[in-house]
PDB file of N, CA and C in Angstrom:
ATOM      1  N   MET A   1     -30.583 -84.337  10.692  1.00  0.00           N
ATOM      2  CA  MET A   1     -30.723 -84.075   9.268  1.00  0.00           C
ATOM      3  C   MET A   1     -29.326 -83.946   8.675  1.00  0.00           C
ATOM      4  N   SER A   2     -29.094 -84.648   7.563  1.00  0.00           N
ATOM      5  CA  SER A   2     -27.772 -84.615   6.939  1.00  0.00           C
ATOM      6  C   SER A   2     -27.579 -83.314   6.168  1.00  0.00           C
ATOM      7  N   VAL A   3     -26.330 -83.061   5.839  1.00  0.00           N
ATOM      8  CA  VAL A   3     -25.989 -81.824   5.139  1.00  0.00           C
ATOM      9  C   VAL A   3     -26.646 -81.775   3.768  1.00  0.00           C
ATOM     10  N   SER A   4     -26.612 -82.883   3.029  1.00  0.00           N
ATOM     11  CA  SER A   4     -27.161 -82.848   1.675  1.00  0.00           C
ATOM     12  C   SER A   4     -28.684 -82.713   1.662  1.00  0.00           C
ATOM     13  N   ARG A   5     -29.380 -83.168   2.700  1.00  0.00           N
ATOM     14  CA  ARG A   5     -30.835 -82.984   2.747  1.00  0.00           C
ATOM     15  C   ARG A   5     -31.193 -81.541   3.068  1.00  0.00           C
ATOM     16  N   ALA A   6     -30.344 -80.856   3.791  1.00  0.00           N
ATOM     17  CA  ALA A   6     -30.633 -79.478   4.156  1.00  0.00           C
ATOM     18  C   ALA A   6     -30.408 -78.523   2.991  1.00  0.00           C
ATOM     19  N   MET A   7     -29.611 -78.942   2.029  1.00  0.00           N
ATOM     20  CA  MET A   7     -29.329 -78.081   0.887  1.00  0.00           C
ATOM     21  C   MET A   7     -30.454 -78.161  -0.136  1.00  0.00           C
ATOM     22  N   THR A   8     -30.619 -77.079  -0.841  1.00  0.00           N
ATOM     23  CA  THR A   8     -31.604 -77.086  -1.919  1.00  0.00           C
ATOM     24  C   THR A   8     -31.017 -77.793  -3.130  1.00  0.00           C
ATOM     25  N   LEU A   9     -31.843 -78.023  -4.125  1.00  0.00           N
ATOM     26  CA  LEU A   9     -31.412 -78.772  -5.308  1.00  0.00           C
ATOM     27  C   LEU A   9     -30.226 -78.135  -6.031  1.00  0.00           C
ATOM     28  N   PRO A  10     -30.225 -76.824  -6.311  1.00  0.00           N
ATOM     29  CA  PRO A  10     -29.052 -76.256  -6.995  1.00  0.00           C
ATOM     30  C   PRO A  10     -27.765 -76.399  -6.182  1.00  0.00           C
ATOM     31  N   LEU A  11     -27.848 -76.207  -4.894  1.00  0.00           N
ATOM     32  CA  LEU A  11     -26.654 -76.356  -4.062  1.00  0.00           C
ATOM     33  C   LEU A  11     -26.189 -77.805  -4.026  1.00  0.00           C
ATOM     34  N   ARG A  12     -27.137 -78.732  -4.020  1.00  0.00           N
ATOM     35  CA  ARG A  12     -26.778 -80.142  -4.033  1.00  0.00           C
ATOM     36  C   ARG A  12     -26.092 -80.521  -5.348  1.00  0.00           C
ATOM     37  N   MET A  13     -26.573 -79.958  -6.465  1.00  0.00           N
ATOM     38  CA  MET A  13     -25.941 -80.219  -7.758  1.00  0.00           C
ATOM     39  C   MET A  13     -24.512 -79.691  -7.783  1.00  0.00           C
ATOM     40  N   ILE A  14     -24.307 -78.500  -7.252  1.00  0.00           N
ATOM     41  CA  ILE A  14     -22.956 -77.926  -7.193  1.00  0.00           C
ATOM     42  C   ILE A  14     -22.072 -78.767  -6.281  1.00  0.00           C
ATOM     43  N   TRP A  15     -22.609 -79.208  -5.157  1.00  0.00           N
ATOM     44  CA  TRP A  15     -21.857 -80.046  -4.214  1.00  0.00           C
ATOM     45  C   TRP A  15     -21.373 -81.324  -4.897  1.00  0.00           C
ATOM     46  N   HIS A  16     -22.278 -81.995  -5.597  1.00  0.00           N
ATOM     47  CA  HIS A  16     -21.915 -83.244  -6.271  1.00  0.00           C
ATOM     48  C   HIS A  16     -20.917 -82.996  -7.396  1.00  0.00           C
ATOM     49  N   ALA A  17     -21.062 -81.894  -8.098  1.00  0.00           N
ATOM     50  CA  ALA A  17     -20.140 -81.593  -9.196  1.00  0.00           C
ATOM     51  C   ALA A  17     -18.742 -81.285  -8.668  1.00  0.00           C
ATOM     52  N   LEU A  18     -18.651 -80.532  -7.587  1.00  0.00           N
ATOM     53  CA  LEU A  18     -17.332 -80.168  -7.051  1.00  0.00           C
ATOM     54  C   LEU A  18     -16.630 -81.352  -6.403  1.00  0.00           C
ATOM     55  N   TYR A  19     -17.383 -82.199  -5.737  1.00  0.00           N
ATOM     56  CA  TYR A  19     -16.769 -83.330  -5.046  1.00  0.00           C
ATOM     57  C   TYR A  19     -16.843 -84.633  -5.842  1.00  0.00           C
ATOM     58  N   TRP A  20     -17.388 -84.553  -7.061  1.00  0.00           N
ATOM     59  CA  TRP A  20     -17.405 -85.679  -8.007  1.00  0.00           C
ATOM     60  C   TRP A  20     -17.882 -86.949  -7.315  1.00  0.00           C
ATOM     61  N   THR A  21     -19.107 -86.929  -6.834  1.00  0.00           N
ATOM     62  CA  THR A  21     -19.637 -88.042  -6.054  1.00  0.00           C
ATOM     63  C   THR A  21     -20.399 -89.066  -6.891  1.00  0.00           C
ATOM     64  N   PHE A  22     -20.360 -88.930  -8.209  1.00  0.00           N
ATOM     65  CA  PHE A  22     -21.119 -89.839  -9.062  1.00  0.00           C
ATOM     66  C   PHE A  22     -20.324 -91.099  -9.346  1.00  0.00           C
ATOM     67  N   GLU A  23     -21.021 -92.223  -9.401  1.00  0.00           N
ATOM     68  CA  GLU A  23     -20.394 -93.489  -9.764  1.00  0.00           C
ATOM     69  C   GLU A  23     -20.150 -93.517 -11.266  1.00  0.00           C
ATOM     70  N   ARG A  24     -19.167 -94.292 -11.675  1.00  0.00           N
ATOM     71  CA  ARG A  24     -18.907 -94.440 -13.104  1.00  0.00           C
ATOM     72  C   ARG A  24     -20.070 -95.164 -13.767  1.00  0.00           C
ATOM     73  N   ALA A  25     -20.247 -94.910 -15.053  1.00  0.00           N
ATOM     74  CA  ALA A  25     -21.294 -95.527 -15.874  1.00  0.00           C
ATOM     75  C   ALA A  25     -22.696 -95.063 -15.486  1.00  0.00           C
ATOM     76  N   THR A  26     -22.812 -93.899 -14.877  1.00  0.00           N
ATOM     77  CA  THR A  26     -24.120 -93.294 -14.652  1.00  0.00           C
ATOM     78  C   THR A  26     -24.250 -92.111 -15.602  1.00  0.00           C
ATOM     79  N   TRP A  27     -25.468 -91.667 -15.834  1.00  0.00           N
ATOM     80  CA  TRP A  27     -25.648 -90.564 -16.772  1.00  0.00           C
ATOM     81  C   TRP A  27     -25.058 -89.278 -16.215  1.00  0.00           C
ATOM     82  N   GLN A  28     -25.042 -89.116 -14.890  1.00  0.00           N
ATOM     83  CA  GLN A  28     -24.451 -87.920 -14.301  1.00  0.00           C
ATOM     84  C   GLN A  28     -22.943 -87.885 -14.532  1.00  0.00           C
ATOM     85  N   TYR A  29     -22.291 -89.016 -14.376  1.00  0.00           N
ATOM     86  CA  TYR A  29     -20.850 -89.119 -14.605  1.00  0.00           C
ATOM     87  C   TYR A  29     -20.536 -88.814 -16.065  1.00  0.00           C
ATOM     88  N   ASP A  30     -21.319 -89.399 -16.973  1.00  0.00           N
ATOM     89  CA  ASP A  30     -21.105 -89.158 -18.399  1.00  0.00           C
ATOM     90  C   ASP A  30     -21.292 -87.686 -18.746  1.00  0.00           C
ATOM     91  N   LEU A  31     -22.277 -87.049 -18.147  1.00  0.00           N
ATOM     92  CA  LEU A  31     -22.516 -85.631 -18.396  1.00  0.00           C
ATOM     93  C   LEU A  31     -21.348 -84.775 -17.912  1.00  0.00           C
ATOM     94  N   MET A  32     -20.788 -85.109 -16.757  1.00  0.00           N
ATOM     95  CA  MET A  32     -19.628 -84.369 -16.250  1.00  0.00           C
ATOM     96  C   MET A  32     -18.425 -84.539 -17.171  1.00  0.00           C
ATOM     97  N   VAL A  33     -18.199 -85.741 -17.660  1.00  0.00           N
ATOM     98  CA  VAL A  33     -17.074 -85.991 -18.567  1.00  0.00           C
ATOM     99  C   VAL A  33     -17.265 -85.222 -19.869  1.00  0.00           C
ATOM    100  N   ILE A  34     -18.481 -85.206 -20.400  1.00  0.00           N
ATOM    101  CA  ILE A  34     -18.760 -84.456 -21.624  1.00  0.00           C
ATOM    102  C   ILE A  34     -18.534 -82.967 -21.403  1.00  0.00           C
ATOM    103  N   ALA A  35     -18.941 -82.445 -20.254  1.00  0.00           N
ATOM    104  CA  ALA A  35     -18.728 -81.024 -19.962  1.00  0.00           C
ATOM    105  C   ALA A  35     -17.241 -80.690 -19.888  1.00  0.00           C
ATOM    106  N   ILE A  36     -16.454 -81.551 -19.276  1.00  0.00           N
ATOM    107  CA  ILE A  36     -15.011 -81.318 -19.180  1.00  0.00           C
ATOM    108  C   ILE A  36     -14.370 -81.367 -20.558  1.00  0.00           C
ATOM    109  N   LEU A  37     -14.727 -82.371 -21.353  1.00  0.00           N
ATOM    110  CA  LEU A  37     -14.160 -82.476 -22.698  1.00  0.00           C
ATOM    111  C   LEU A  37     -14.589 -81.310 -23.580  1.00  0.00           C
ATOM    112  N   ALA A  38     -15.828 -80.862 -23.444  1.00  0.00           N
ATOM    113  CA  ALA A  38     -16.287 -79.705 -24.218  1.00  0.00           C
ATOM    114  C   ALA A  38     -15.493 -78.464 -23.834  1.00  0.00           C
ATOM    115  N   PHE A  39     -15.226 -78.280 -22.551  1.00  0.00           N
ATOM    116  CA  PHE A  39     -14.421 -77.138 -22.125  1.00  0.00           C
ATOM    117  C   PHE A  39     -13.023 -77.213 -22.723  1.00  0.00           C
ATOM    118  N   ILE A  40     -12.426 -78.383 -22.696  1.00  0.00           N
ATOM    119  CA  ILE A  40     -11.067 -78.544 -23.218  1.00  0.00           C
ATOM    120  C   ILE A  40     -11.026 -78.288 -24.717  1.00  0.00           C
ATOM    121  N   TRP A  41     -11.955 -78.849 -25.462  1.00  0.00           N
ATOM    122  CA  TRP A  41     -11.910 -78.759 -26.921  1.00  0.00           C
ATOM    123  C   TRP A  41     -12.451 -77.449 -27.467  1.00  0.00           C
ATOM    124  N   LEU A  42     -13.393 -76.823 -26.788  1.00  0.00           N
ATOM    125  CA  LEU A  42     -14.054 -75.645 -27.341  1.00  0.00           C
ATOM    126  C   LEU A  42     -13.502 -74.319 -26.839  1.00  0.00           C
ATOM    127  N   THR A  43     -12.677 -74.330 -25.813  1.00  0.00           N
ATOM    128  CA  THR A  43     -12.118 -73.092 -25.294  1.00  0.00           C
ATOM    129  C   THR A  43     -10.956 -72.635 -26.167  1.00  0.00           C
ATOM    130  N   PRO A  44     -11.029 -71.418 -26.717  1.00  0.00           N
ATOM    131  CA  PRO A  44      -9.907 -70.914 -27.504  1.00  0.00           C
ATOM    132  C   PRO A  44      -8.659 -70.763 -26.632  1.00  0.00           C
ATOM    133  N   PRO A  45      -7.483 -71.055 -27.184  1.00  0.00           N
ATOM    134  CA  PRO A  45      -6.248 -70.965 -26.394  1.00  0.00           C
ATOM    135  C   PRO A  45      -6.000 -69.570 -25.818  1.00  0.00           C
ATOM    136  N   ALA A  46      -6.437 -68.531 -26.515  1.00  0.00           N
ATOM    137  CA  ALA A  46      -6.210 -67.163 -26.035  1.00  0.00           C
ATOM    138  C   ALA A  46      -6.955 -66.890 -24.727  1.00  0.00           C
ATOM    139  N   TRP A  47      -8.096 -67.538 -24.514  1.00  0.00           N
ATOM    140  CA  TRP A  47      -8.851 -67.335 -23.279  1.00  0.00           C
ATOM    141  C   TRP A  47      -8.094 -67.839 -22.062  1.00  0.00           C
ATOM    142  N   LEU A  48      -7.281 -68.865 -22.264  1.00  0.00           N
ATOM    143  CA  LEU A  48      -6.542 -69.456 -21.150  1.00  0.00           C
ATOM    144  C   LEU A  48      -5.189 -68.800 -20.943  1.00  0.00           C
ATOM    145  N   GLY A  49      -4.776 -67.956 -21.883  1.00  0.00           N
ATOM    146  CA  GLY A  49      -3.486 -67.286 -21.766  1.00  0.00           C
ATOM    147  C   GLY A  49      -2.317 -68.236 -21.930  1.00  0.00           C
ATOM    148  N   ASP A  50      -2.487 -69.266 -22.739  1.00  0.00           N
ATOM    149  CA  ASP A  50      -1.428 -70.249 -22.959  1.00  0.00           C
ATOM    150  C   ASP A  50      -0.397 -69.671 -23.924  1.00  0.00           C
ATOM    151  N   PRO A  51       0.842 -69.439 -23.482  1.00  0.00           N
ATOM    152  CA  PRO A  51       1.847 -68.839 -24.364  1.00  0.00           C
ATOM    153  C   PRO A  51       2.343 -69.794 -25.444  1.00  0.00           C
ATOM    154  N   VAL A  52       2.168 -71.088 -25.271  1.00  0.00           N
ATOM    155  CA  VAL A  52       2.663 -72.068 -26.228  1.00  0.00           C
ATOM    156  C   VAL A  52       1.635 -72.326 -27.332  1.00  0.00           C
ATOM    157  N   ALA A  53       0.361 -72.261 -26.985  1.00  0.00           N
ATOM    158  CA  ALA A  53      -0.694 -72.571 -27.948  1.00  0.00           C
ATOM    159  C   ALA A  53      -0.805 -71.467 -28.988  1.00  0.00           C
ATOM    160  N   SER A  54      -1.102 -71.880 -30.204  1.00  0.00           N
ATOM    161  CA  SER A  54      -1.314 -70.906 -31.270  1.00  0.00           C
ATOM    162  C   SER A  54      -2.495 -71.356 -32.106  1.00  0.00           C
ATOM    163  N   GLY A  55      -3.031 -70.462 -32.865  1.00  0.00           N
ATOM    164  CA  GLY A  55      -4.158 -70.796 -33.721  1.00  0.00           C
ATOM    165  C   GLY A  55      -5.482 -70.464 -33.069  1.00  0.00           C
ATOM    166  N   PRO A  56      -6.551 -70.625 -33.828  1.00  0.00           N
ATOM    167  CA  PRO A  56      -7.869 -70.216 -33.348  1.00  0.00           C
ATOM    168  C   PRO A  56      -8.571 -71.225 -32.444  1.00  0.00           C
ATOM    169  N   GLY A  57      -8.073 -72.426 -32.358  1.00  0.00           N
ATOM    170  CA  GLY A  57      -8.754 -73.451 -31.577  1.00  0.00           C
ATOM    171  C   GLY A  57      -9.823 -74.135 -32.411  1.00  0.00           C
ATOM    172  N   LEU A  58     -10.492 -75.088 -31.831  1.00  0.00           N
ATOM    173  CA  LEU A  58     -11.470 -75.898 -32.557  1.00  0.00           C
ATOM    174  C   LEU A  58     -12.639 -75.068 -33.071  1.00  0.00           C
ATOM    175  N   VAL A  59     -13.132 -74.128 -32.277  1.00  0.00           N
ATOM    176  CA  VAL A  59     -14.266 -73.304 -32.698  1.00  0.00           C
ATOM    177  C   VAL A  59     -13.879 -72.451 -33.898  1.00  0.00           C
ATOM    178  N   GLY A  60     -12.688 -71.864 -33.863  1.00  0.00           N
ATOM    179  CA  GLY A  60     -12.227 -71.053 -34.983  1.00  0.00           C
ATOM    180  C   GLY A  60     -12.023 -71.864 -36.244  1.00  0.00           C
ATOM    181  N   ILE A  61     -11.514 -73.059 -36.101  1.00  0.00           N
ATOM    182  CA  ILE A  61     -11.306 -73.935 -37.261  1.00  0.00           C
ATOM    183  C   ILE A  61     -12.648 -74.322 -37.878  1.00  0.00           C
ATOM    184  N   LEU A  62     -13.609 -74.691 -37.041  1.00  0.00           N
ATOM    185  CA  LEU A  62     -14.933 -75.056 -37.551  1.00  0.00           C
ATOM    186  C   LEU A  62     -15.631 -73.865 -38.194  1.00  0.00           C
ATOM    187  N   ALA A  63     -15.481 -72.673 -37.609  1.00  0.00           N
ATOM    188  CA  ALA A  63     -16.082 -71.475 -38.196  1.00  0.00           C
ATOM    189  C   ALA A  63     -15.464 -71.172 -39.553  1.00  0.00           C
ATOM    190  N   ALA A  64     -14.153 -71.367 -39.690  1.00  0.00           N
ATOM    191  CA  ALA A  64     -13.488 -71.132 -40.972  1.00  0.00           C
ATOM    192  C   ALA A  64     -13.949 -72.140 -42.021  1.00  0.00           C
ATOM    193  N   LEU A  65     -14.201 -73.367 -41.612  1.00  0.00           N
ATOM    194  CA  LEU A  65     -14.671 -74.381 -42.554  1.00  0.00           C
ATOM    195  C   LEU A  65     -16.092 -74.099 -43.040  1.00  0.00           C
ATOM    196  N   LEU A  66     -16.903 -73.494 -42.200  1.00  0.00           N
ATOM    197  CA  LEU A  66     -18.293 -73.231 -42.555  1.00  0.00           C
ATOM    198  C   LEU A  66     -18.465 -71.985 -43.412  1.00  0.00           C
ATOM    199  N   ARG A  67     -17.435 -71.177 -43.530  1.00  0.00           N
ATOM    200  CA  ARG A  67     -17.535 -69.953 -44.345  1.00  0.00           C
ATOM    201  C   ARG A  67     -17.522 -70.257 -45.797  1.00  0.00           C
TER     202      ARG A  67
END
């Protein structure tokens, strides 16, 4: 029995996400890319402790526009 068959579905999903085993142009690959881009664009700079970054980030800018 292979390692991936012995794992349950949540563990298999984590395994594939960590080792990036998806082929390009599949929906799983696209979902991973969207998740990475969302993390990059939506994370406020203060959460990452970036000393160079300033401002509220994309979420803060959008919240200010909606007020």
